[in-house]
Amino acid sequence: MEFLKREVFMKKILMVALLMAGAQAQADTEMRVYTNADGCTVIEESRTNGTTYDIEVAGQRAFVGILHDRSTGDIAAFCDDVQVTETAKGLKMECAKNQNGGLTTRGAAELGLNKDGSLTSISVIGQVKKLMGWKTDTEISCANLEEDIGP
């Protein structure tokens, strides 16, 4: 489990670095914070190349990134180079099987989006292959998200 936490941290650094690539040091970053009544917090950062989502609820955390052209993305610690498809409600990201630092992992994320692109829901599942089959390591679901405008 400690390995996966370290792997999440390293993937997060890598994804942020990729999203910042090509951006000027003083580039503007658009950041939004979404919350819901269940205690879910999602920090959305939009940069030159893509958008990242840092999700936290009930002590669990996940990190998802997607390029603006929606050609690929990353579900930290579980998938890099995910397949992105548009759905009626937003976007679906997934990878079937990934070699990840000696582990076999897979994952999926779904982003519910309004017509204006604002986030309404997000869910992430990450699994690790064990001797007896796939074991869910991370499972987060946040619905009814609203932008936190602040005081």
C-alpha atoms as a PDB file:
ATOM      1  CA  MET A   1       0.000   0.000   0.000  1.00  0.00           C
ATOM      2  CA  GLU A   2       2.886   2.352   0.783  1.00  0.00           C
ATOM      3  CA  PHE A   3       4.202   1.662  -2.715  1.00  0.00           C
ATOM      4  CA  LEU A   4       0.901   2.836  -4.232  1.00  0.00           C
ATOM      5  CA  LYS A   5       0.964   6.041  -2.174  1.00  0.00           C
ATOM      6  CA  ARG A   6       4.487   6.791  -3.391  1.00  0.00           C
ATOM      7  CA  GLU A   7       3.429   5.899  -6.930  1.00  0.00           C
ATOM      8  CA  VAL A   8       0.440   8.282  -6.707  1.00  0.00           C
ATOM      9  CA  PHE A   9       2.761  11.078  -5.605  1.00  0.00           C
ATOM     10  CA  MET A  10       5.200  10.409  -8.452  1.00  0.00           C
ATOM     11  CA  LYS A  11       2.401  10.201 -11.042  1.00  0.00           C
ATOM     12  CA  LYS A  12       0.945  13.450  -9.725  1.00  0.00           C
ATOM     13  CA  ILE A  13       4.284  15.197 -10.156  1.00  0.00           C
ATOM     14  CA  LEU A  14       4.669  13.729 -13.657  1.00  0.00           C
ATOM     15  CA  MET A  15       1.172  14.765 -14.752  1.00  0.00           C
ATOM     16  CA  VAL A  16       1.582  18.299 -13.443  1.00  0.00           C
ATOM     17  CA  ALA A  17       4.943  18.542 -15.214  1.00  0.00           C
ATOM     18  CA  LEU A  18       3.393  17.335 -18.476  1.00  0.00           C
ATOM     19  CA  LEU A  19       0.533  19.795 -18.218  1.00  0.00           C
ATOM     20  CA  MET A  20       2.939  22.630 -17.515  1.00  0.00           C
ATOM     21  CA  ALA A  21       5.204  21.717 -20.440  1.00  0.00           C
ATOM     22  CA  GLY A  22       5.238  24.455 -22.998  1.00  0.00           C
ATOM     23  CA  ALA A  23       3.680  26.967 -20.620  1.00  0.00           C
ATOM     24  CA  GLN A  24       5.558  30.084 -19.651  1.00  0.00           C
ATOM     25  CA  ALA A  25       6.716  30.378 -16.066  1.00  0.00           C
ATOM     26  CA  GLN A  26       4.242  33.199 -15.453  1.00  0.00           C
ATOM     27  CA  ALA A  27       1.319  31.485 -17.251  1.00  0.00           C
ATOM     28  CA  ASP A  28      -2.145  31.987 -15.852  1.00  0.00           C
ATOM     29  CA  THR A  29      -3.752  29.020 -14.172  1.00  0.00           C
ATOM     30  CA  GLU A  30      -7.490  28.880 -13.833  1.00  0.00           C
ATOM     31  CA  MET A  31      -8.472  27.111 -10.640  1.00  0.00           C
ATOM     32  CA  ARG A  32     -11.933  26.147  -9.446  1.00  0.00           C
ATOM     33  CA  VAL A  33     -12.957  24.346  -6.284  1.00  0.00           C
ATOM     34  CA  TYR A  34     -16.070  22.159  -6.239  1.00  0.00           C
ATOM     35  CA  THR A  35     -17.728  20.728  -3.127  1.00  0.00           C
ATOM     36  CA  ASN A  36     -20.846  18.812  -2.171  1.00  0.00           C
ATOM     37  CA  ALA A  37     -22.858  18.118   0.984  1.00  0.00           C
ATOM     38  CA  ASP A  38     -21.094  14.751   1.465  1.00  0.00           C
ATOM     39  CA  GLY A  39     -17.729  16.427   2.144  1.00  0.00           C
ATOM     40  CA  CYS A  40     -16.230  15.870  -1.277  1.00  0.00           C
ATOM     41  CA  THR A  41     -13.737  18.465  -2.505  1.00  0.00           C
ATOM     42  CA  VAL A  42     -12.446  18.653  -6.074  1.00  0.00           C
ATOM     43  CA  ILE A  43      -9.757  21.120  -7.085  1.00  0.00           C
ATOM     44  CA  GLU A  44      -9.761  21.688 -10.835  1.00  0.00           C
ATOM     45  CA  GLU A  45      -6.682  23.340 -12.350  1.00  0.00           C
ATOM     46  CA  SER A  46      -6.792  24.345 -15.991  1.00  0.00           C
ATOM     47  CA  ARG A  47      -3.434  25.062 -17.629  1.00  0.00           C
ATOM     48  CA  THR A  48      -2.207  25.591 -21.171  1.00  0.00           C
ATOM     49  CA  ASN A  49      -2.178  21.891 -22.135  1.00  0.00           C
ATOM     50  CA  GLY A  50      -4.846  20.340 -19.951  1.00  0.00           C
ATOM     51  CA  THR A  51      -6.838  20.103 -16.764  1.00  0.00           C
ATOM     52  CA  THR A  52      -6.157  18.228 -13.531  1.00  0.00           C
ATOM     53  CA  TYR A  53      -8.656  17.164 -10.874  1.00  0.00           C
ATOM     54  CA  ASP A  54      -7.514  16.543  -7.288  1.00  0.00           C
ATOM     55  CA  ILE A  55     -10.381  14.694  -5.568  1.00  0.00           C
ATOM     56  CA  GLU A  56     -10.710  14.085  -1.838  1.00  0.00           C
ATOM     57  CA  VAL A  57     -13.524  12.602   0.226  1.00  0.00           C
ATOM     58  CA  ALA A  58     -13.658  10.627   3.484  1.00  0.00           C
ATOM     59  CA  GLY A  59      -9.870  10.289   3.717  1.00  0.00           C
ATOM     60  CA  GLN A  60      -9.501   8.939   0.193  1.00  0.00           C
ATOM     61  CA  ARG A  61      -7.754  10.822  -2.567  1.00  0.00           C
ATOM     62  CA  ALA A  62      -7.443  10.503  -6.330  1.00  0.00           C
ATOM     63  CA  PHE A  63      -5.789  12.531  -9.038  1.00  0.00           C
ATOM     64  CA  VAL A  64      -6.946  12.676 -12.663  1.00  0.00           C
ATOM     65  CA  GLY A  65      -5.578  14.676 -15.570  1.00  0.00           C
ATOM     66  CA  ILE A  66      -6.772  15.131 -19.139  1.00  0.00           C
ATOM     67  CA  LEU A  67      -5.326  17.010 -22.094  1.00  0.00           C
ATOM     68  CA  HIS A  68      -7.486  19.800 -23.541  1.00  0.00           C
ATOM     69  CA  ASP A  69      -7.729  18.017 -26.898  1.00  0.00           C
ATOM     70  CA  ARG A  70      -9.077  14.994 -24.969  1.00  0.00           C
ATOM     71  CA  SER A  71      -6.668  12.700 -26.800  1.00  0.00           C
ATOM     72  CA  THR A  72      -5.425  11.116 -23.570  1.00  0.00           C
ATOM     73  CA  GLY A  73      -5.145  11.556 -19.839  1.00  0.00           C
ATOM     74  CA  ASP A  74      -3.934   9.954 -16.631  1.00  0.00           C
ATOM     75  CA  ILE A  75      -5.518   8.332 -13.599  1.00  0.00           C
ATOM     76  CA  ALA A  76      -2.640   8.625 -11.131  1.00  0.00           C
ATOM     77  CA  ALA A  77      -1.135   5.370  -9.862  1.00  0.00           C
ATOM     78  CA  PHE A  78      -3.385   3.260 -12.070  1.00  0.00           C
ATOM     79  CA  CYS A  79      -3.389   4.414 -15.705  1.00  0.00           C
ATOM     80  CA  ASP A  80      -1.361   6.579 -17.959  1.00  0.00           C
ATOM     81  CA  ASP A  81      -2.291   7.060 -21.578  1.00  0.00           C
ATOM     82  CA  VAL A  82      -5.994   6.416 -20.945  1.00  0.00           C
ATOM     83  CA  GLN A  83      -8.639   6.186 -23.628  1.00  0.00           C
ATOM     84  CA  VAL A  84     -11.021   9.144 -23.451  1.00  0.00           C
ATOM     85  CA  THR A  85     -14.553   8.985 -24.834  1.00  0.00           C
ATOM     86  CA  GLU A  86     -17.349  11.527 -24.762  1.00  0.00           C
ATOM     87  CA  THR A  87     -20.634  10.451 -23.196  1.00  0.00           C
ATOM     88  CA  ALA A  88     -24.050  12.086 -23.037  1.00  0.00           C
ATOM     89  CA  LYS A  89     -23.195  13.457 -19.576  1.00  0.00           C
ATOM     90  CA  GLY A  90     -19.481  14.244 -19.953  1.00  0.00           C
ATOM     91  CA  LEU A  91     -16.302  12.199 -20.351  1.00  0.00           C
ATOM     92  CA  LYS A  92     -15.214   8.648 -19.613  1.00  0.00           C
ATOM     93  CA  MET A  93     -11.550   7.729 -19.142  1.00  0.00           C
ATOM     94  CA  GLU A  94     -10.266   4.172 -18.845  1.00  0.00           C
ATOM     95  CA  CYS A  95      -7.413   1.752 -19.347  1.00  0.00           C
ATOM     96  CA  ALA A  96      -7.730  -2.015 -19.384  1.00  0.00           C
ATOM     97  CA  LYS A  97      -4.377  -3.226 -18.065  1.00  0.00           C
ATOM     98  CA  ASN A  98      -1.252  -1.245 -17.261  1.00  0.00           C
ATOM     99  CA  GLN A  99       2.207  -2.241 -16.029  1.00  0.00           C
ATOM    100  CA  ASN A 100       2.860   0.132 -13.200  1.00  0.00           C
ATOM    101  CA  GLY A 101       6.149  -0.207 -11.308  1.00  0.00           C
ATOM    102  CA  GLY A 102       5.955  -4.001 -11.107  1.00  0.00           C
ATOM    103  CA  LEU A 103       2.214  -4.102 -10.497  1.00  0.00           C
ATOM    104  CA  THR A 104      -0.575  -4.688 -12.978  1.00  0.00           C
ATOM    105  CA  THR A 105      -3.238  -2.019 -12.591  1.00  0.00           C
ATOM    106  CA  ARG A 106      -6.324  -0.718 -14.340  1.00  0.00           C
ATOM    107  CA  GLY A 107      -8.699   2.145 -13.767  1.00  0.00           C
ATOM    108  CA  ALA A 108     -11.571   4.294 -14.917  1.00  0.00           C
ATOM    109  CA  ALA A 109     -12.891   7.778 -14.261  1.00  0.00           C
ATOM    110  CA  GLU A 110     -16.094   9.518 -15.285  1.00  0.00           C
ATOM    111  CA  LEU A 111     -16.551  13.260 -15.327  1.00  0.00           C
ATOM    112  CA  GLY A 112     -20.048  14.726 -15.392  1.00  0.00           C
ATOM    113  CA  LEU A 113     -19.982  18.098 -17.125  1.00  0.00           C
ATOM    114  CA  ASN A 114     -22.517  20.868 -17.701  1.00  0.00           C
ATOM    115  CA  LYS A 115     -22.807  22.395 -21.171  1.00  0.00           C
ATOM    116  CA  ASP A 116     -20.524  25.217 -20.018  1.00  0.00           C
ATOM    117  CA  GLY A 117     -17.843  22.663 -19.045  1.00  0.00           C
ATOM    118  CA  SER A 118     -18.286  22.995 -15.296  1.00  0.00           C
ATOM    119  CA  LEU A 119     -18.005  19.809 -13.245  1.00  0.00           C
ATOM    120  CA  THR A 120     -21.167  18.233 -11.785  1.00  0.00           C
ATOM    121  CA  SER A 121     -19.803  14.827 -10.721  1.00  0.00           C
ATOM    122  CA  ILE A 122     -16.654  12.738 -10.802  1.00  0.00           C
ATOM    123  CA  SER A 123     -15.926   9.110 -10.009  1.00  0.00           C
ATOM    124  CA  VAL A 124     -12.652   7.194  -9.984  1.00  0.00           C
ATOM    125  CA  ILE A 125     -11.907   3.516  -9.543  1.00  0.00           C
ATOM    126  CA  GLY A 126      -8.433   2.014  -9.456  1.00  0.00           C
ATOM    127  CA  GLN A 127      -7.668  -1.679  -9.185  1.00  0.00           C
ATOM    128  CA  VAL A 128      -4.552  -3.808  -8.660  1.00  0.00           C
ATOM    129  CA  LYS A 129      -4.217  -7.362  -9.960  1.00  0.00           C
ATOM    130  CA  LYS A 130      -3.575  -9.873  -7.168  1.00  0.00           C
ATOM    131  CA  LEU A 131      -3.225 -13.661  -7.203  1.00  0.00           C
ATOM    132  CA  MET A 132      -6.964 -14.182  -6.828  1.00  0.00           C
ATOM    133  CA  GLY A 133      -8.031 -11.462  -9.299  1.00  0.00           C
ATOM    134  CA  TRP A 134      -8.546  -7.732  -9.336  1.00  0.00           C
ATOM    135  CA  LYS A 135      -8.688  -5.879  -5.986  1.00  0.00           C
ATOM    136  CA  THR A 136     -10.156  -2.379  -5.765  1.00  0.00           C
ATOM    137  CA  ASP A 137      -7.619  -0.041  -4.187  1.00  0.00           C
ATOM    138  CA  THR A 138      -9.341   3.305  -4.767  1.00  0.00           C
ATOM    139  CA  GLU A 139     -13.025   3.999  -5.288  1.00  0.00           C
ATOM    140  CA  ILE A 140     -14.334   7.540  -5.069  1.00  0.00           C
ATOM    141  CA  SER A 141     -17.621   8.969  -6.254  1.00  0.00           C
ATOM    142  CA  CYS A 142     -18.714  12.593  -5.865  1.00  0.00           C
ATOM    143  CA  ALA A 143     -22.101  13.733  -7.164  1.00  0.00           C
ATOM    144  CA  ASN A 144     -24.028  17.003  -6.961  1.00  0.00           C
ATOM    145  CA  LEU A 145     -20.868  19.104  -7.088  1.00  0.00           C
ATOM    146  CA  GLU A 146     -21.193  22.864  -6.992  1.00  0.00           C
ATOM    147  CA  GLU A 147     -18.504  25.455  -7.489  1.00  0.00           C
ATOM    148  CA  ASP A 148     -17.335  26.869  -4.160  1.00  0.00           C
ATOM    149  CA  ILE A 149     -17.354  30.609  -4.769  1.00  0.00           C
ATOM    150  CA  GLY A 150     -16.029  31.416  -1.300  1.00  0.00           C
ATOM    151  CA  PRO A 151     -17.074  34.167   1.119  1.00  0.00           C
END
